[in-house]
N, C-alpha and C. Protein backbone atom coordinates (compact mmCIF):
# COMPACT_ATOMS: atom_id res chain seq x y z
N MET A 1 85.78 -15.75 23.71
CA MET A 1 85.67 -15.13 22.31
C MET A 1 85.38 -13.94 22.15
N ILE A 2 86.40 -12.81 21.95
CA ILE A 2 86.12 -11.19 21.70
C ILE A 2 86.10 -10.74 20.57
N GLN A 3 85.10 -10.73 19.61
CA GLN A 3 85.60 -9.81 18.56
C GLN A 3 85.05 -8.87 18.07
N THR A 4 85.47 -7.36 17.58
CA THR A 4 85.11 -6.31 17.08
C THR A 4 85.52 -6.07 15.84
N GLY A 5 84.63 -5.29 15.82
CA GLY A 5 84.36 -4.56 14.71
C GLY A 5 83.86 -3.01 14.30
N LEU A 6 83.66 -2.33 13.60
CA LEU A 6 83.07 -1.12 13.06
C LEU A 6 82.04 -1.08 12.06
N TYR A 7 80.76 -0.59 12.97
CA TYR A 7 79.65 -0.16 11.72
C TYR A 7 79.93 1.44 11.42
N LEU A 8 80.30 1.48 10.38
CA LEU A 8 80.01 3.00 9.73
C LEU A 8 78.46 3.47 9.15
N SER A 9 78.18 4.97 9.39
CA SER A 9 77.19 5.25 8.83
C SER A 9 77.31 6.54 8.15
N VAL A 10 76.60 7.00 7.43
CA VAL A 10 76.91 8.10 6.76
C VAL A 10 75.77 9.10 7.37
N LEU A 11 75.01 8.53 7.33
CA LEU A 11 74.17 9.62 8.36
C LEU A 11 73.99 9.84 9.70
N GLY A 12 74.29 8.82 10.59
CA GLY A 12 74.02 9.01 11.84
C GLY A 12 75.87 8.75 12.47
N PRO A 13 75.50 8.45 13.93
CA PRO A 13 76.59 8.12 14.11
C PRO A 13 76.88 6.39 14.14
N SER A 14 78.36 6.17 14.18
CA SER A 14 78.93 5.20 14.00
C SER A 14 79.48 4.59 14.85
N TYR A 15 79.06 3.30 14.71
CA TYR A 15 79.21 2.19 15.75
C TYR A 15 80.15 1.35 15.99
N VAL A 16 80.52 0.76 17.52
CA VAL A 16 81.59 -0.11 17.39
C VAL A 16 80.84 -1.85 17.67
N TYR A 17 80.90 -2.83 17.15
CA TYR A 17 80.01 -4.23 17.72
C TYR A 17 81.06 -4.98 18.23
N VAL A 18 80.49 -5.08 19.51
CA VAL A 18 81.31 -6.55 20.35
C VAL A 18 80.76 -7.11 20.43
N ARG A 19 81.17 -8.79 19.92
CA ARG A 19 80.56 -9.91 20.07
C ARG A 19 81.39 -10.97 21.18
N TYR A 20 80.52 -11.54 21.64
CA TYR A 20 81.68 -11.94 23.16
C TYR A 20 80.68 -13.32 23.16
N ARG A 21 81.37 -14.41 23.86
CA ARG A 21 80.80 -15.85 24.30
C ARG A 21 81.05 -15.64 25.55
N CYS A 22 79.97 -16.06 26.56
CA CYS A 22 80.03 -16.26 27.97
C CYS A 22 80.99 -17.37 28.32
N GLY A 23 81.89 -17.32 28.87
CA GLY A 23 82.76 -18.20 29.78
C GLY A 23 82.31 -19.40 30.15
N ARG A 24 81.07 -19.10 30.88
CA ARG A 24 80.21 -20.53 31.84
C ARG A 24 79.50 -20.50 31.01
N CYS A 25 78.54 -20.14 30.02
CA CYS A 25 77.04 -20.66 29.74
C CYS A 25 77.39 -21.07 28.67
N LYS A 26 78.00 -19.97 27.82
CA LYS A 26 78.48 -20.27 26.07
C LYS A 26 77.91 -19.94 25.47
N ARG A 27 76.82 -18.73 25.77
CA ARG A 27 75.81 -18.36 25.23
C ARG A 27 76.77 -17.16 24.23
N VAL A 28 76.50 -16.58 23.42
CA VAL A 28 77.02 -15.91 22.29
C VAL A 28 76.00 -14.05 21.87
N GLY A 29 76.88 -12.63 22.75
CA GLY A 29 76.16 -12.26 22.62
C GLY A 29 76.88 -10.62 21.82
N GLU A 30 75.84 -9.84 21.08
CA GLU A 30 76.70 -8.59 21.01
C GLU A 30 76.12 -7.10 21.32
N LYS A 31 76.82 -6.64 21.32
CA LYS A 31 76.70 -5.08 21.65
C LYS A 31 77.26 -4.00 20.80
N LEU A 32 76.23 -2.76 21.15
CA LEU A 32 76.48 -2.17 19.93
C LEU A 32 76.97 -0.52 20.93
N VAL A 33 78.25 -0.13 20.75
CA VAL A 33 78.64 0.96 21.83
C VAL A 33 79.26 2.36 20.60
N GLU A 34 78.46 3.25 20.62
CA GLU A 34 78.66 4.82 19.77
C GLU A 34 80.48 4.60 19.57
N GLN A 35 81.06 5.21 18.82
CA GLN A 35 82.92 4.65 18.37
C GLN A 35 82.91 5.79 19.35
N GLU A 36 82.46 6.81 19.40
CA GLU A 36 82.99 8.20 20.15
C GLU A 36 83.06 7.87 21.63
N SER A 37 82.33 6.81 22.29
CA SER A 37 82.17 6.44 23.47
C SER A 37 83.18 5.08 23.82
N TRP A 38 83.52 4.63 22.47
CA TRP A 38 84.14 3.26 22.53
C TRP A 38 85.76 3.44 23.35
N ASP A 39 85.94 2.65 24.00
CA ASP A 39 87.67 2.91 24.95
C ASP A 39 87.93 0.96 24.57
N PRO A 40 88.84 0.65 23.36
CA PRO A 40 89.38 -0.20 23.33
C PRO A 40 90.37 -0.96 24.89
N ALA A 41 90.33 0.14 25.72
CA ALA A 41 91.16 -0.01 26.98
C ALA A 41 90.34 -1.60 27.86
N VAL A 42 89.26 -1.40 27.64
CA VAL A 42 88.24 -1.99 28.47
C VAL A 42 88.50 -3.54 28.12
N LEU A 43 89.15 -3.75 26.71
CA LEU A 43 88.92 -5.38 26.62
C LEU A 43 90.20 -6.07 27.33
N HIS A 44 90.81 -5.51 28.03
CA HIS A 44 92.54 -5.25 28.62
C HIS A 44 92.46 -5.35 29.82
N PRO A 45 92.73 -6.21 30.70
CA PRO A 45 92.49 -6.37 32.68
C PRO A 45 93.65 -5.13 32.75
N VAL A 46 93.28 -4.40 33.65
CA VAL A 46 94.34 -3.08 34.25
C VAL A 46 95.38 -4.00 35.01
N ARG A 47 96.47 -4.05 34.99
CA ARG A 47 97.66 -4.65 35.76
C ARG A 47 98.04 -3.21 36.59
N ARG A 48 97.56 -4.51 37.66
CA ARG A 48 98.32 -3.40 38.90
C ARG A 48 99.79 -3.93 39.57
N THR A 49 100.41 -3.53 39.84
CA THR A 49 101.97 -3.66 40.42
C THR A 49 101.39 -3.60 42.05
N ARG A 50 101.83 -4.86 42.78
CA ARG A 50 101.78 -4.27 43.79
C ARG A 50 103.29 -4.16 44.69
N ASP A 51 103.12 -2.99 45.04
CA ASP A 51 104.23 -2.29 46.11
C ASP A 51 104.55 -3.62 47.53
N HIS A 52 105.75 -3.06 47.77
CA HIS A 52 106.60 -4.29 48.97
C HIS A 52 105.53 -3.88 50.30
N ALA A 53 104.72 -2.98 50.55
CA ALA A 53 104.24 -2.77 51.75
C ALA A 53 102.87 -3.69 51.49
N ASP A 54 102.02 -3.80 50.38
CA ASP A 54 101.12 -4.75 50.02
C ASP A 54 101.56 -6.30 50.39
N ILE A 55 102.59 -6.43 49.82
CA ILE A 55 103.00 -7.69 49.58
C ILE A 55 103.64 -8.37 51.07
N ARG A 56 104.04 -7.39 52.18
CA ARG A 56 104.20 -7.46 53.46
C ARG A 56 103.17 -7.52 54.10
N ARG A 57 102.42 -6.82 53.69
CA ARG A 57 100.82 -7.00 54.65
C ARG A 57 100.04 -7.98 54.79
N PHE A 58 100.38 -8.54 53.03
CA PHE A 58 99.28 -10.20 52.60
C PHE A 58 100.32 -11.19 53.47
N GLU A 59 101.41 -10.99 53.45
CA GLU A 59 102.07 -12.18 54.55
C GLU A 59 101.93 -12.10 55.77
N GLU A 60 101.83 -10.90 56.19
CA GLU A 60 101.86 -10.86 58.03
C GLU A 60 99.86 -11.46 58.38
N MET A 61 99.32 -11.37 57.58
CA MET A 61 97.99 -11.71 57.63
C MET A 61 97.92 -13.14 57.44
N GLY A 62 99.00 -13.82 56.80
CA GLY A 62 99.00 -15.56 56.90
C GLY A 62 97.76 -15.60 56.18
N GLU A 63 97.37 -17.20 56.26
CA GLU A 63 96.44 -17.91 55.27
C GLU A 63 95.15 -17.60 56.13
N ILE A 64 94.22 -17.71 55.28
CA ILE A 64 92.63 -17.81 55.84
C ILE A 64 92.60 -18.76 56.58
N THR A 65 91.90 -18.92 57.62
CA THR A 65 91.68 -20.19 58.39
C THR A 65 89.99 -20.23 58.11
N PRO A 66 89.91 -21.44 58.71
CA PRO A 66 88.33 -21.83 58.51
C PRO A 66 86.98 -20.97 59.10
N GLU A 67 88.11 -20.86 60.05
CA GLU A 67 86.52 -19.98 61.19
C GLU A 67 86.29 -18.50 60.89
N GLU A 68 87.44 -17.93 59.98
CA GLU A 68 87.49 -16.78 58.79
C GLU A 68 86.24 -16.97 57.92
N ILE A 69 86.50 -18.29 57.26
CA ILE A 69 85.42 -18.59 56.18
C ILE A 69 84.13 -18.77 56.97
N ILE A 70 83.67 -19.13 57.97
CA ILE A 70 82.64 -19.35 58.54
C ILE A 70 82.11 -18.30 58.84
N ASP A 71 82.91 -17.59 59.46
CA ASP A 71 82.48 -15.67 59.68
C ASP A 71 82.07 -14.76 58.62
N PHE A 72 82.75 -14.94 57.64
CA PHE A 72 82.24 -14.53 56.50
C PHE A 72 81.14 -14.76 55.85
N HIS A 73 81.09 -16.33 55.95
CA HIS A 73 79.53 -17.04 55.53
C HIS A 73 78.29 -16.19 56.00
N TYR A 74 78.58 -16.65 57.30
CA TYR A 74 77.51 -15.73 58.57
C TYR A 74 77.38 -14.27 57.90
N ALA A 75 78.19 -13.61 57.57
CA ALA A 75 78.17 -11.91 57.60
C ALA A 75 77.72 -11.68 56.43
N LEU A 76 77.59 -12.57 55.28
CA LEU A 76 76.86 -12.73 53.78
C LEU A 76 75.52 -12.65 54.01
N GLU A 77 75.43 -14.14 54.67
CA GLU A 77 74.19 -14.35 54.96
C GLU A 77 73.03 -13.11 55.82
N ARG A 78 73.53 -12.54 56.57
CA ARG A 78 73.24 -11.53 57.69
C ARG A 78 72.91 -10.17 56.20
N LEU A 79 73.59 -10.00 54.98
CA LEU A 79 73.60 -8.71 54.40
C LEU A 79 72.29 -9.32 53.44
N GLY A 80 72.29 -10.41 53.48
CA GLY A 80 71.11 -10.92 52.16
C GLY A 80 70.19 -10.58 52.81
N GLY A 81 69.98 -11.01 53.95
CA GLY A 81 68.49 -10.76 54.97
C GLY A 81 68.39 -9.28 55.20
N ALA A 82 69.27 -8.45 55.01
CA ALA A 82 68.78 -6.90 55.38
C ALA A 82 68.40 -6.79 54.27
N ASP A 83 68.91 -6.98 52.91
CA ASP A 83 68.23 -6.88 51.70
C ASP A 83 66.86 -7.10 51.31
N ARG A 84 66.50 -8.35 52.00
CA ARG A 84 65.39 -8.79 51.71
C ARG A 84 64.29 -8.14 52.93
N GLN A 85 65.20 -7.80 53.98
CA GLN A 85 64.22 -6.74 54.74
C GLN A 85 63.49 -5.74 54.38
N GLU A 86 64.96 -5.12 53.38
CA GLU A 86 64.96 -3.75 52.88
C GLU A 86 63.19 -3.96 51.61
N GLU A 87 63.31 -5.19 51.09
CA GLU A 87 62.42 -5.12 50.02
C GLU A 87 61.06 -5.33 50.93
N VAL A 88 60.55 -5.67 51.23
CA VAL A 88 59.33 -6.33 52.71
C VAL A 88 58.66 -4.88 52.79
N GLU A 89 59.90 -4.14 53.42
CA GLU A 89 59.26 -2.84 53.87
C GLU A 89 58.81 -1.84 53.10
N ARG A 90 59.30 -1.82 51.84
CA ARG A 90 59.39 -0.71 50.50
C ARG A 90 58.00 -1.17 49.97
N ALA A 91 57.69 -3.17 50.40
CA ALA A 91 56.63 -3.29 49.27
C ALA A 91 55.20 -2.88 49.79
């Protein structure tokens, strides 16, 4: 759920409020954005059309194999380890 509205101000800048509900935890939040900075397009996902070259390339790749998933998992662990190592070196 997303709701937007306008807070008009006579003395200062006007604001757009955005009220939202997290799809995962269901918490409700609100954010104020200056009206001049507000772009309503952020509420709508960008539609990207795939050209024939992309479709052909994905078809040639085939399905993701279990081995690729395992390799990806270990690559993420290595990245996480590198981040933790940098934090230790900074401390």
